[in-house]
Each structure stands twice: as structure tokens, then as C-alpha cells.
């Protein structure tokens, strides 16, 4: 990473998974029944990585601090990580005998279901050094569960002069915690989806969770809440191929524009643009660099 790009770079952290994505299902599995997938893809997954990969594809330098999945799943995603454009120097190997971090994603039309096995810590020991390195302007947390396990990272980022954003990601145990507002203290931008926002509103109004809350609402677009006002922008019309990673891609488009000082409306439109690109592809963030999808960085939502 060059010295000239350091003030623009984003560090993403959270669990890194090997995603096993099965799509083209006739329906989601039920007890005592079997369904068959039309396509099967192995891809690097987890919100932190997918957001970092889309940021890199947009031309914004990005790094990832995450523990690699245990063998043999690390080998399954090695080539993708190497080609992603993301700086993975802060991604240590899992120790011998570590439990695997994998997610099975099942996609049927507009529906999806996930089965995940977590292994090891939410953030690697290398994260604190990466935050303090002076190489990054912003820290993005891929899931609220990361912050629940390692709440000190926000203070570390603030002390190093970084702004901070966080996605939510569905985790029933974390969403049930009554201290969600306190958990997010110090976060500048919070990016839950509509279902996650509803779950958190059992404890406090969603606007109290961060100075800027951006609620991703699928085909209905997105809503930004800031300073007591709400702004909505539509989604882009898009044939849906795979919904996996669309919210994380939205984060990348939104944050790239936000860090560039764009208006809130333009930030939402940028997020809609990257989300639409994600929906048109299979498997998270595979093959973004060199794909030509990001030849034009400006997106406009349909009026």
C-alpha cells in the first residue's frame, strides 16, 4: 500500500469463512426432505471480506484482519484471496487442529438460508497492530457479533484516528442483548438490514444506535437516519442470481462514497449500485478485479 493511499484505505475485520453456496434450489430444505442445487460454488465469505473485496474493486485500498479458515478450507479460498486486491497481510493461519469456519448458503429465488460453524476468535491478534499502523483511515466491522466479542476495537480505532462503521448480521443471541446501544458506542455508521433493525428496536429506537444508521431493505431500497431525519432511496432493478453478499456489497459502495464526502443521497445510490452488481453474480465477491463490472464508479438509482 503506497504512502499516498494510506489516508484513503479501509481496514475490515471479522470472521472469514469458506462459503459453500448452493443455488438454483426448488425450495429450501425441510425436515426429512432433500432438495438439489443447480450450482455449487466455494468462495471466501464473511461480511468483512466481501466488503473489503468490493472496496478494492471500486478502487479504494482495503485490508482485511481475519483468521483464515482452518485446513482444508483455507486452500479452497486461497486463490480468491490472492486475486481480490485486498491486503491480507493481517490474516494469520488458523492454528493446527482449529475448528473450521464455514458457511453453507442455500439460495432459492429470493429466499436464502445459512448454516454456519464458527471457529476461533472473532478478530486475530494482528488487528491491534494493523489499526495502529497508520495505514488506514477507517475501520469496518463485518458483524455485530465481532463487536460483542471484541468491544475494545472501537476504542483502539478511535485512538488511532480512524472512523468506524459496523454491519449487524443476524445473530439471535447478540440481537437479544439489551445493551446494543452501548455496544455500538463510538461507531459512526451502523448498517443493519430491516429485520435486524426491527430486532434491535426491542431495546431502543434504531436511531439511537449510531449517529448515522443505514437500514438495508432489499428490493425496497435503503433508508438513512441522521440528526432526526430520514432519507430513503430505491434499489436498482436487477435480475436476482444470488443474494449472498449483497448487503456487504452495499456497505462497500456506501462507505466508498461516504469517505469521499458525497451527499447522503449519493451514498445510498452508490450502495444500491454495488448491491445490484452483487445480486447479478454467484458467490460473494469472487473475481471482481478485472471483471469490468466497475468500469464506471457512479451509480444512480431509478427515480
C-alpha atoms as a PDB file:
ATOM      1  CA  UNK A   1       0.000   0.000   0.000  1.00  0.00           C
ATOM      2  CA  UNK A   2       1.567   3.285  -1.098  1.00  0.00           C
ATOM      3  CA  UNK A   3       2.007   6.223   1.255  1.00  0.00           C
ATOM      4  CA  UNK A   4      -0.327   8.325  -0.903  1.00  0.00           C
ATOM      5  CA  UNK A   5      -3.181   5.848  -0.453  1.00  0.00           C
ATOM      6  CA  UNK A   6      -2.941   5.387   3.303  1.00  0.00           C
ATOM      7  CA  UNK A   7      -5.328   8.204   4.186  1.00  0.00           C
ATOM      8  CA  UNK A   8      -7.957   6.609   1.918  1.00  0.00           C
ATOM      9  CA  UNK A   9      -7.659   2.962   2.955  1.00  0.00           C
ATOM     10  CA  UNK A  10     -10.250   0.913   4.842  1.00  0.00           C
ATOM     11  CA  UNK A  11      -9.454  -1.930   7.224  1.00  0.00           C
ATOM     12  CA  UNK A  12     -12.175  -4.566   7.539  1.00  0.00           C
ATOM     13  CA  UNK A  13     -12.299  -7.116  10.325  1.00  0.00           C
ATOM     14  CA  UNK A  14     -14.479 -10.022  11.378  1.00  0.00           C
ATOM     15  CA  UNK A  15     -14.709 -13.717  10.738  1.00  0.00           C
ATOM     16  CA  UNK A  16     -13.545 -15.067   7.380  1.00  0.00           C
ATOM     17  CA  UNK A  17     -15.401 -18.130   6.155  1.00  0.00           C
ATOM     18  CA  UNK A  18     -15.234 -20.626   3.375  1.00  0.00           C
ATOM     19  CA  UNK A  19     -18.711 -20.275   1.856  1.00  0.00           C
ATOM     20  CA  UNK A  20     -20.315 -23.284   0.220  1.00  0.00           C
ATOM     21  CA  UNK A  21     -23.004 -21.638  -1.890  1.00  0.00           C
ATOM     22  CA  UNK A  22     -25.773 -23.810  -3.348  1.00  0.00           C
ATOM     23  CA  UNK A  23     -28.222 -22.006  -5.599  1.00  0.00           C
ATOM     24  CA  UNK A  24     -30.965 -22.768  -8.055  1.00  0.00           C
ATOM     25  CA  UNK A  25     -32.873 -24.752  -5.422  1.00  0.00           C
ATOM     26  CA  UNK A  26     -36.517 -25.624  -5.977  1.00  0.00           C
ATOM     27  CA  UNK A  27     -37.095 -24.627  -2.355  1.00  0.00           C
ATOM     28  CA  UNK A  28     -35.287 -24.529   0.950  1.00  0.00           C
ATOM     29  CA  UNK A  29     -34.760 -27.863   2.752  1.00  0.00           C
ATOM     30  CA  UNK A  30     -37.244 -29.070   5.329  1.00  0.00           C
ATOM     31  CA  UNK A  31     -37.140 -31.969   7.775  1.00  0.00           C
ATOM     32  CA  UNK A  32     -36.984 -35.414   6.177  1.00  0.00           C
ATOM     33  CA  UNK A  33     -36.766 -33.948   2.670  1.00  0.00           C
ATOM     34  CA  UNK A  34     -33.961 -33.406   0.184  1.00  0.00           C
ATOM     35  CA  UNK A  35     -33.555 -30.743  -2.485  1.00  0.00           C
ATOM     36  CA  UNK A  36     -30.947 -30.449  -5.215  1.00  0.00           C
ATOM     37  CA  UNK A  37     -28.871 -27.451  -6.262  1.00  0.00           C
ATOM     38  CA  UNK A  38     -28.269 -26.393  -9.857  1.00  0.00           C
ATOM     39  CA  UNK A  39     -24.966 -24.677  -8.991  1.00  0.00           C
ATOM     40  CA  UNK A  40     -22.305 -25.124  -6.336  1.00  0.00           C
ATOM     41  CA  UNK A  41     -19.608 -22.554  -5.596  1.00  0.00           C
ATOM     42  CA  UNK A  42     -16.860 -22.425  -2.994  1.00  0.00           C
ATOM     43  CA  UNK A  43     -15.979 -18.831  -2.167  1.00  0.00           C
ATOM     44  CA  UNK A  44     -14.428 -16.688   0.511  1.00  0.00           C
ATOM     45  CA  UNK A  45     -17.165 -15.350   2.756  1.00  0.00           C
ATOM     46  CA  UNK A  46     -17.983 -13.250   5.762  1.00  0.00           C
ATOM     47  CA  UNK A  47     -19.104  -9.644   5.716  1.00  0.00           C
ATOM     48  CA  UNK A  48     -15.674  -8.209   6.433  1.00  0.00           C
ATOM     49  CA  UNK A  49     -14.038  -9.889   3.443  1.00  0.00           C
ATOM     50  CA  UNK A  50     -16.857  -9.263   0.985  1.00  0.00           C
ATOM     51  CA  UNK A  51     -16.996  -5.569   1.852  1.00  0.00           C
ATOM     52  CA  UNK A  52     -13.193  -5.325   1.570  1.00  0.00           C
ATOM     53  CA  UNK A  53     -13.219  -7.040  -1.833  1.00  0.00           C
ATOM     54  CA  UNK A  54     -15.887  -4.715  -3.216  1.00  0.00           C
ATOM     55  CA  UNK A  55     -13.992  -1.696  -1.872  1.00  0.00           C
ATOM     56  CA  UNK A  56     -10.864  -2.905  -3.655  1.00  0.00           C
ATOM     57  CA  UNK A  57     -12.835  -3.411  -6.872  1.00  0.00           C
ATOM     58  CA  UNK A  58     -14.119   0.163  -6.554  1.00  0.00           C
ATOM     59  CA  UNK A  59     -10.515   1.344  -6.428  1.00  0.00           C
ATOM     60  CA  UNK A  60     -10.327   2.112  -2.711  1.00  0.00           C
ATOM     61  CA  UNK A  61      -7.376   0.443  -0.937  1.00  0.00           C
ATOM     62  CA  UNK A  62      -8.597  -2.081   1.600  1.00  0.00           C
ATOM     63  CA  UNK A  63      -7.136  -4.533   4.064  1.00  0.00           C
ATOM     64  CA  UNK A  64      -8.529  -7.472   5.976  1.00  0.00           C
ATOM     65  CA  UNK A  65      -7.695  -8.569   9.520  1.00  0.00           C
ATOM     66  CA  UNK A  66      -9.206 -12.027   9.958  1.00  0.00           C
ATOM     67  CA  UNK A  67      -8.223 -15.529  10.952  1.00  0.00           C
ATOM     68  CA  UNK A  68      -8.029 -17.800   7.916  1.00  0.00           C
ATOM     69  CA  UNK A  69     -10.403 -20.779   7.969  1.00  0.00           C
ATOM     70  CA  UNK A  70      -8.796 -23.993   9.179  1.00  0.00           C
ATOM     71  CA  UNK A  71      -7.441 -26.528   6.692  1.00  0.00           C
ATOM     72  CA  UNK A  72      -8.549 -27.731   4.228  1.00  0.00           C
ATOM     73  CA  UNK A  73     -10.916 -24.806   3.760  1.00  0.00           C
ATOM     74  CA  UNK A  74      -8.090 -22.251   3.683  1.00  0.00           C
ATOM     75  CA  UNK A  75      -6.757 -23.839   0.499  1.00  0.00           C
ATOM     76  CA  UNK A  76     -10.218 -23.688  -1.091  1.00  0.00           C
ATOM     77  CA  UNK A  77     -10.234 -19.883  -0.929  1.00  0.00           C
ATOM     78  CA  UNK A  78      -6.501 -19.105  -1.238  1.00  0.00           C
ATOM     79  CA  UNK A  79      -6.582 -18.209  -4.932  1.00  0.00           C
ATOM     80  CA  UNK A  80      -9.587 -15.938  -4.494  1.00  0.00           C
ATOM     81  CA  UNK A  81      -7.940 -14.047  -1.648  1.00  0.00           C
ATOM     82  CA  UNK A  82      -4.737 -13.612  -3.647  1.00  0.00           C
ATOM     83  CA  UNK A  83      -6.645 -12.184  -6.620  1.00  0.00           C
ATOM     84  CA  UNK A  84      -9.026  -9.979  -4.632  1.00  0.00           C
ATOM     85  CA  UNK A  85      -6.858  -6.863  -4.436  1.00  0.00           C
ATOM     86  CA  UNK A  86      -7.323  -6.882  -0.653  1.00  0.00           C
ATOM     87  CA  UNK A  87      -4.252  -6.614   1.574  1.00  0.00           C
ATOM     88  CA  UNK A  88      -4.377  -9.827   3.636  1.00  0.00           C
ATOM     89  CA  UNK A  89      -1.083  -9.366   5.488  1.00  0.00           C
ATOM     90  CA  UNK A  90      -3.025  -9.211   8.781  1.00  0.00           C
ATOM     91  CA  UNK A  91      -4.712 -12.584   8.149  1.00  0.00           C
ATOM     92  CA  UNK A  92      -2.863 -15.290  10.110  1.00  0.00           C
ATOM     93  CA  UNK A  93      -3.336 -19.001   9.542  1.00  0.00           C
ATOM     94  CA  UNK A  94      -5.565 -20.906  11.917  1.00  0.00           C
ATOM     95  CA  UNK A  95      -3.567 -22.939  14.447  1.00  0.00           C
ATOM     96  CA  UNK A  96      -3.274 -26.697  13.876  1.00  0.00           C
ATOM     97  CA  UNK A  97      -6.397 -28.533  14.955  1.00  0.00           C
ATOM     98  CA  UNK A  98      -8.564 -25.413  14.913  1.00  0.00           C
ATOM     99  CA  UNK A  99     -12.259 -25.795  14.140  1.00  0.00           C
ATOM    100  CA  UNK A 100     -13.306 -24.798  10.640  1.00  0.00           C
ATOM    101  CA  UNK A 101     -15.104 -21.561   9.836  1.00  0.00           C
ATOM    102  CA  UNK A 102     -17.564 -22.475   7.091  1.00  0.00           C
ATOM    103  CA  UNK A 103     -20.994 -21.326   5.951  1.00  0.00           C
ATOM    104  CA  UNK A 104     -23.394 -23.303   3.801  1.00  0.00           C
ATOM    105  CA  UNK A 105     -25.584 -20.824   1.921  1.00  0.00           C
ATOM    106  CA  UNK A 106     -28.771 -22.138   0.310  1.00  0.00           C
ATOM    107  CA  UNK A 107     -30.403 -19.854  -2.253  1.00  0.00           C
ATOM    108  CA  UNK A 108     -33.865 -20.383  -3.700  1.00  0.00           C
ATOM    109  CA  UNK A 109     -35.182 -17.459  -5.740  1.00  0.00           C
ATOM    110  CA  UNK A 110     -35.399 -14.523  -3.379  1.00  0.00           C
ATOM    111  CA  UNK A 111     -35.092 -16.722  -0.290  1.00  0.00           C
ATOM    112  CA  UNK A 112     -31.877 -17.802   1.368  1.00  0.00           C
ATOM    113  CA  UNK A 113     -30.804 -19.716   4.446  1.00  0.00           C
ATOM    114  CA  UNK A 114     -27.424 -20.113   6.110  1.00  0.00           C
ATOM    115  CA  UNK A 115     -25.839 -22.794   8.254  1.00  0.00           C
ATOM    116  CA  UNK A 116     -22.600 -21.591   9.858  1.00  0.00           C
ATOM    117  CA  UNK A 117     -19.853 -23.039  12.016  1.00  0.00           C
ATOM    118  CA  UNK A 118     -17.645 -20.528  13.796  1.00  0.00           C
ATOM    119  CA  UNK A 119     -14.160 -21.377  14.952  1.00  0.00           C
ATOM    120  CA  UNK A 120     -11.569 -19.385  16.831  1.00  0.00           C
ATOM    121  CA  UNK A 121     -11.691 -15.725  17.855  1.00  0.00           C
ATOM    122  CA  UNK A 122     -13.715 -13.073  16.062  1.00  0.00           C
ATOM    123  CA  UNK A 123     -10.613 -10.968  15.409  1.00  0.00           C
ATOM    124  CA  UNK A 124      -6.959 -12.017  15.096  1.00  0.00           C
ATOM    125  CA  UNK A 125      -4.132 -10.847  17.344  1.00  0.00           C
ATOM    126  CA  UNK A 126      -2.826  -8.872  14.359  1.00  0.00           C
ATOM    127  CA  UNK A 127      -5.760  -6.440  14.413  1.00  0.00           C
ATOM    128  CA  UNK A 128      -4.423  -4.045  17.056  1.00  0.00           C
ATOM    129  CA  UNK A 129      -1.143  -3.640  15.162  1.00  0.00           C
ATOM    130  CA  UNK A 130      -2.969  -3.038  11.881  1.00  0.00           C
ATOM    131  CA  UNK A 131      -5.163  -0.366  13.485  1.00  0.00           C
ATOM    132  CA  UNK A 132      -2.154   1.401  14.986  1.00  0.00           C
ATOM    133  CA  UNK A 133      -0.044   1.139  11.816  1.00  0.00           C
ATOM    134  CA  UNK A 134      -1.149   4.469  10.350  1.00  0.00           C
ATOM    135  CA  UNK A 135      -2.062   2.738   7.094  1.00  0.00           C
ATOM    136  CA  UNK A 136      -5.817   3.097   7.426  1.00  0.00           C
ATOM    137  CA  UNK A 137      -8.397   5.861   7.589  1.00  0.00           C
ATOM    138  CA  UNK A 138     -11.439   3.793   8.519  1.00  0.00           C
ATOM    139  CA  UNK A 139     -12.304   0.539  10.319  1.00  0.00           C
ATOM    140  CA  UNK A 140     -15.284  -1.555   9.225  1.00  0.00           C
ATOM    141  CA  UNK A 141     -16.649  -4.357  11.417  1.00  0.00           C
ATOM    142  CA  UNK A 142     -18.336  -7.093   9.432  1.00  0.00           C
ATOM    143  CA  UNK A 143     -20.817  -8.151  12.094  1.00  0.00           C
ATOM    144  CA  UNK A 144     -22.140  -7.022  15.448  1.00  0.00           C
ATOM    145  CA  UNK A 145     -21.052 -10.356  16.929  1.00  0.00           C
ATOM    146  CA  UNK A 146     -17.455  -9.293  16.315  1.00  0.00           C
ATOM    147  CA  UNK A 147     -18.009  -6.194  18.398  1.00  0.00           C
ATOM    148  CA  UNK A 148     -19.746  -8.222  21.105  1.00  0.00           C
ATOM    149  CA  UNK A 149     -16.697 -10.464  21.387  1.00  0.00           C
ATOM    150  CA  UNK A 150     -14.042  -7.754  20.996  1.00  0.00           C
ATOM    151  CA  UNK A 151     -15.601  -4.432  22.138  1.00  0.00           C
ATOM    152  CA  UNK A 152     -12.190  -2.837  22.642  1.00  0.00           C
ATOM    153  CA  UNK A 153     -11.556  -2.476  18.914  1.00  0.00           C
ATOM    154  CA  UNK A 154     -13.692   0.669  18.596  1.00  0.00           C
ATOM    155  CA  UNK A 155     -11.652   2.478  21.247  1.00  0.00           C
ATOM    156  CA  UNK A 156      -8.447   1.265  19.576  1.00  0.00           C
ATOM    157  CA  UNK A 157      -9.604   2.637  16.241  1.00  0.00           C
ATOM    158  CA  UNK A 158     -10.677   5.946  17.747  1.00  0.00           C
ATOM    159  CA  UNK A 159      -7.327   6.340  19.497  1.00  0.00           C
ATOM    160  CA  UNK A 160      -5.595   5.817  16.153  1.00  0.00           C
ATOM    161  CA  UNK A 161      -7.782   8.453  14.468  1.00  0.00           C
ATOM    162  CA  UNK A 162      -9.957   6.086  12.443  1.00  0.00           C
ATOM    163  CA  UNK A 163     -13.660   6.463  11.838  1.00  0.00           C
ATOM    164  CA  UNK A 164     -15.696   3.296  12.382  1.00  0.00           C
ATOM    165  CA  UNK A 165     -18.618   1.509  10.743  1.00  0.00           C
ATOM    166  CA  UNK A 166     -20.345  -1.752  11.587  1.00  0.00           C
ATOM    167  CA  UNK A 167     -22.722  -4.113   9.859  1.00  0.00           C
ATOM    168  CA  UNK A 168     -25.096  -6.149  12.001  1.00  0.00           C
ATOM    169  CA  UNK A 169     -25.516  -9.669  10.521  1.00  0.00           C
ATOM    170  CA  UNK A 170     -28.155 -11.907  12.033  1.00  0.00           C
ATOM    171  CA  UNK A 171     -27.157 -13.455  15.344  1.00  0.00           C
ATOM    172  CA  UNK A 172     -30.144 -14.096  17.597  1.00  0.00           C
ATOM    173  CA  UNK A 173     -28.074 -14.114  20.802  1.00  0.00           C
ATOM    174  CA  UNK A 174     -26.427 -10.778  20.030  1.00  0.00           C
ATOM    175  CA  UNK A 175     -29.667  -9.177  18.852  1.00  0.00           C
ATOM    176  CA  UNK A 176     -31.295 -10.202  22.124  1.00  0.00           C
ATOM    177  CA  UNK A 177     -28.771  -8.286  24.200  1.00  0.00           C
ATOM    178  CA  UNK A 178     -30.345  -5.238  25.880  1.00  0.00           C
ATOM    179  CA  UNK A 179     -27.096  -3.228  25.667  1.00  0.00           C
ATOM    180  CA  UNK A 180     -26.965  -2.846  21.883  1.00  0.00           C
ATOM    181  CA  UNK A 181     -26.714   0.955  22.059  1.00  0.00           C
ATOM    182  CA  UNK A 182     -23.794   0.773  24.480  1.00  0.00           C
ATOM    183  CA  UNK A 183     -22.182  -1.933  22.371  1.00  0.00           C
ATOM    184  CA  UNK A 184     -22.155   0.392  19.363  1.00  0.00           C
ATOM    185  CA  UNK A 185     -20.827   3.416  21.266  1.00  0.00           C
ATOM    186  CA  UNK A 186     -18.188   5.138  19.156  1.00  0.00           C
ATOM    187  CA  UNK A 187     -19.423   3.697  15.849  1.00  0.00           C
ATOM    188  CA  UNK A 188     -20.067   6.393  13.207  1.00  0.00           C
ATOM    189  CA  UNK A 189     -22.143   4.364  10.730  1.00  0.00           C
ATOM    190  CA  UNK A 190     -24.312   1.349  11.546  1.00  0.00           C
ATOM    191  CA  UNK A 191     -25.669  -0.705   8.631  1.00  0.00           C
ATOM    192  CA  UNK A 192     -28.293  -3.299   9.669  1.00  0.00           C
ATOM    193  CA  UNK A 193     -30.914  -4.756   7.387  1.00  0.00           C
ATOM    194  CA  UNK A 194     -34.609  -4.202   8.072  1.00  0.00           C
ATOM    195  CA  UNK A 195     -35.123  -7.443  10.039  1.00  0.00           C
ATOM    196  CA  UNK A 196     -32.076  -6.765  12.205  1.00  0.00           C
ATOM    197  CA  UNK A 197     -33.200  -3.191  12.840  1.00  0.00           C
ATOM    198  CA  UNK A 198     -36.615  -4.427  13.976  1.00  0.00           C
ATOM    199  CA  UNK A 199     -34.987  -6.876  16.372  1.00  0.00           C
ATOM    200  CA  UNK A 200     -32.795  -4.163  17.887  1.00  0.00           C
ATOM    201  CA  UNK A 201     -35.735  -1.802  18.308  1.00  0.00           C
ATOM    202  CA  UNK A 202     -36.983  -4.059  21.113  1.00  0.00           C
ATOM    203  CA  UNK A 203     -34.276  -2.396  23.209  1.00  0.00           C
ATOM    204  CA  UNK A 204     -34.100   1.188  21.889  1.00  0.00           C
ATOM    205  CA  UNK A 205     -35.077   3.262  18.855  1.00  0.00           C
ATOM    206  CA  UNK A 206     -32.802   2.361  15.978  1.00  0.00           C
ATOM    207  CA  UNK A 207     -31.690   5.991  15.548  1.00  0.00           C
ATOM    208  CA  UNK A 208     -30.041   5.827  18.974  1.00  0.00           C
ATOM    209  CA  UNK A 209     -27.629   3.119  17.875  1.00  0.00           C
ATOM    210  CA  UNK A 210     -25.284   5.401  15.899  1.00  0.00           C
ATOM    211  CA  UNK A 211     -25.061   8.991  14.578  1.00  0.00           C
ATOM    212  CA  UNK A 212     -25.823   7.589  11.108  1.00  0.00           C
ATOM    213  CA  UNK A 213     -27.941   4.453  10.732  1.00  0.00           C
ATOM    214  CA  UNK A 214     -28.438   2.968   7.273  1.00  0.00           C
ATOM    215  CA  UNK A 215     -31.149   0.326   7.028  1.00  0.00           C
ATOM    216  CA  UNK A 216     -30.887  -2.006   4.046  1.00  0.00           C
ATOM    217  CA  UNK A 217     -34.338  -3.090   2.904  1.00  0.00           C
ATOM    218  CA  UNK A 218     -33.796  -5.362  -0.091  1.00  0.00           C
ATOM    219  CA  UNK A 219     -35.923  -4.551  -3.110  1.00  0.00           C
ATOM    220  CA  UNK A 220     -37.436  -1.606  -1.201  1.00  0.00           C
ATOM    221  CA  UNK A 221     -34.076   0.184  -1.228  1.00  0.00           C
ATOM    222  CA  UNK A 222     -32.417   1.705   1.812  1.00  0.00           C
ATOM    223  CA  UNK A 223     -33.130   4.299   4.480  1.00  0.00           C
ATOM    224  CA  UNK A 224     -30.595   6.573   6.166  1.00  0.00           C
ATOM    225  CA  UNK A 225     -31.407   8.119   9.552  1.00  0.00           C
ATOM    226  CA  UNK A 226     -29.279  11.029  10.734  1.00  0.00           C
ATOM    227  CA  UNK A 227     -29.894  14.025  13.004  1.00  0.00           C
ATOM    228  CA  UNK A 228     -33.545  13.100  13.455  1.00  0.00           C
ATOM    229  CA  UNK A 229     -34.299  12.968   9.730  1.00  0.00           C
ATOM    230  CA  UNK A 230     -34.841  10.040   7.390  1.00  0.00           C
ATOM    231  CA  UNK A 231     -33.865   9.720   3.735  1.00  0.00           C
ATOM    232  CA  UNK A 232     -34.967   6.861   1.510  1.00  0.00           C
ATOM    233  CA  UNK A 233     -33.609   5.835  -1.861  1.00  0.00           C
ATOM    234  CA  UNK A 234     -34.817   2.989  -4.094  1.00  0.00           C
ATOM    235  CA  UNK A 235     -32.963  -0.143  -5.049  1.00  0.00           C
ATOM    236  CA  UNK A 236     -31.836  -0.653  -8.633  1.00  0.00           C
ATOM    237  CA  UNK A 237     -33.912  -3.012 -10.749  1.00  0.00           C
ATOM    238  CA  UNK A 238     -31.891  -6.194 -11.117  1.00  0.00           C
ATOM    239  CA  UNK A 239     -32.481  -9.825 -12.046  1.00  0.00           C
ATOM    240  CA  UNK A 240     -31.503 -11.725  -8.918  1.00  0.00           C
ATOM    241  CA  UNK A 241     -28.989 -14.533  -9.454  1.00  0.00           C
ATOM    242  CA  UNK A 242     -27.621 -14.843  -5.903  1.00  0.00           C
ATOM    243  CA  UNK A 243     -28.403 -12.740  -2.828  1.00  0.00           C
ATOM    244  CA  UNK A 244     -25.324 -13.842  -0.847  1.00  0.00           C
ATOM    245  CA  UNK A 245     -23.143 -10.837  -0.030  1.00  0.00           C
ATOM    246  CA  UNK A 246     -25.459  -8.182  -1.453  1.00  0.00           C
ATOM    247  CA  UNK A 247     -25.719  -6.341   1.866  1.00  0.00           C
ATOM    248  CA  UNK A 248     -21.946  -6.417   2.299  1.00  0.00           C
ATOM    249  CA  UNK A 249     -21.523  -5.101  -1.236  1.00  0.00           C
ATOM    250  CA  UNK A 250     -23.966  -2.301  -0.389  1.00  0.00           C
ATOM    251  CA  UNK A 251     -21.736  -1.422   2.563  1.00  0.00           C
ATOM    252  CA  UNK A 252     -18.740  -1.050   0.250  1.00  0.00           C
ATOM    253  CA  UNK A 253     -20.492   1.255  -2.189  1.00  0.00           C
ATOM    254  CA  UNK A 254     -21.974   3.354   0.589  1.00  0.00           C
ATOM    255  CA  UNK A 255     -18.731   3.663   2.577  1.00  0.00           C
ATOM    256  CA  UNK A 256     -16.642   4.421  -0.504  1.00  0.00           C
ATOM    257  CA  UNK A 257     -18.911   7.371  -1.291  1.00  0.00           C
ATOM    258  CA  UNK A 258     -19.239   8.444   2.364  1.00  0.00           C
ATOM    259  CA  UNK A 259     -15.481   8.530   2.851  1.00  0.00           C
ATOM    260  CA  UNK A 260     -15.196  10.604  -0.324  1.00  0.00           C
ATOM    261  CA  UNK A 261     -17.553  13.204   1.190  1.00  0.00           C
ATOM    262  CA  UNK A 262     -20.519  12.504  -1.092  1.00  0.00           C
ATOM    263  CA  UNK A 263     -24.041  13.546  -0.187  1.00  0.00           C
ATOM    264  CA  UNK A 264     -26.126  11.060   1.765  1.00  0.00           C
ATOM    265  CA  UNK A 265     -28.375  10.539  -1.247  1.00  0.00           C
ATOM    266  CA  UNK A 266     -25.376   9.740  -3.447  1.00  0.00           C
ATOM    267  CA  UNK A 267     -24.022   7.376  -0.783  1.00  0.00           C
ATOM    268  CA  UNK A 268     -27.284   5.432  -0.768  1.00  0.00           C
ATOM    269  CA  UNK A 269     -27.290   5.284  -4.560  1.00  0.00           C
ATOM    270  CA  UNK A 270     -23.696   4.043  -4.586  1.00  0.00           C
ATOM    271  CA  UNK A 271     -24.653   1.312  -2.151  1.00  0.00           C
ATOM    272  CA  UNK A 272     -27.620   0.368  -4.334  1.00  0.00           C
ATOM    273  CA  UNK A 273     -25.288   0.106  -7.304  1.00  0.00           C
ATOM    274  CA  UNK A 274     -22.835  -2.290  -5.722  1.00  0.00           C
ATOM    275  CA  UNK A 275     -25.675  -4.328  -4.211  1.00  0.00           C
ATOM    276  CA  UNK A 276     -27.237  -4.698  -7.681  1.00  0.00           C
ATOM    277  CA  UNK A 277     -23.931  -5.945  -9.068  1.00  0.00           C
ATOM    278  CA  UNK A 278     -23.694  -8.481  -6.247  1.00  0.00           C
ATOM    279  CA  UNK A 279     -27.204  -9.730  -6.959  1.00  0.00           C
ATOM    280  CA  UNK A 280     -26.247 -10.374 -10.588  1.00  0.00           C
ATOM    281  CA  UNK A 281     -23.387 -12.715  -9.647  1.00  0.00           C
ATOM    282  CA  UNK A 282     -22.925 -16.073  -7.902  1.00  0.00           C
ATOM    283  CA  UNK A 283     -20.750 -16.463  -4.849  1.00  0.00           C
ATOM    284  CA  UNK A 284     -19.975 -13.422  -2.732  1.00  0.00           C
ATOM    285  CA  UNK A 285     -17.045 -11.441  -4.170  1.00  0.00           C
ATOM    286  CA  UNK A 286     -15.259 -13.888  -6.453  1.00  0.00           C
ATOM    287  CA  UNK A 287     -13.456 -12.485  -9.488  1.00  0.00           C
ATOM    288  CA  UNK A 288     -14.315  -8.821  -9.052  1.00  0.00           C
ATOM    289  CA  UNK A 289     -10.902  -7.460 -10.038  1.00  0.00           C
ATOM    290  CA  UNK A 290     -10.605  -7.462 -13.825  1.00  0.00           C
ATOM    291  CA  UNK A 291     -14.277  -8.290 -14.318  1.00  0.00           C
ATOM    292  CA  UNK A 292     -15.059  -4.916 -15.894  1.00  0.00           C
ATOM    293  CA  UNK A 293     -18.099  -4.524 -13.649  1.00  0.00           C
ATOM    294  CA  UNK A 294     -16.653  -1.430 -12.012  1.00  0.00           C
ATOM    295  CA  UNK A 295     -15.509   0.463 -15.090  1.00  0.00           C
ATOM    296  CA  UNK A 296     -17.988   3.191 -14.096  1.00  0.00           C
ATOM    297  CA  UNK A 297     -17.982   4.041 -10.398  1.00  0.00           C
ATOM    298  CA  UNK A 298     -21.040   6.309 -10.405  1.00  0.00           C
ATOM    299  CA  UNK A 299     -24.432   4.717  -9.823  1.00  0.00           C
ATOM    300  CA  UNK A 300     -27.833   6.334  -9.932  1.00  0.00           C
ATOM    301  CA  UNK A 301     -30.946   4.774  -8.516  1.00  0.00           C
ATOM    302  CA  UNK A 302     -34.067   4.797 -10.647  1.00  0.00           C
ATOM    303  CA  UNK A 303     -36.363   7.673  -9.831  1.00  0.00           C
END
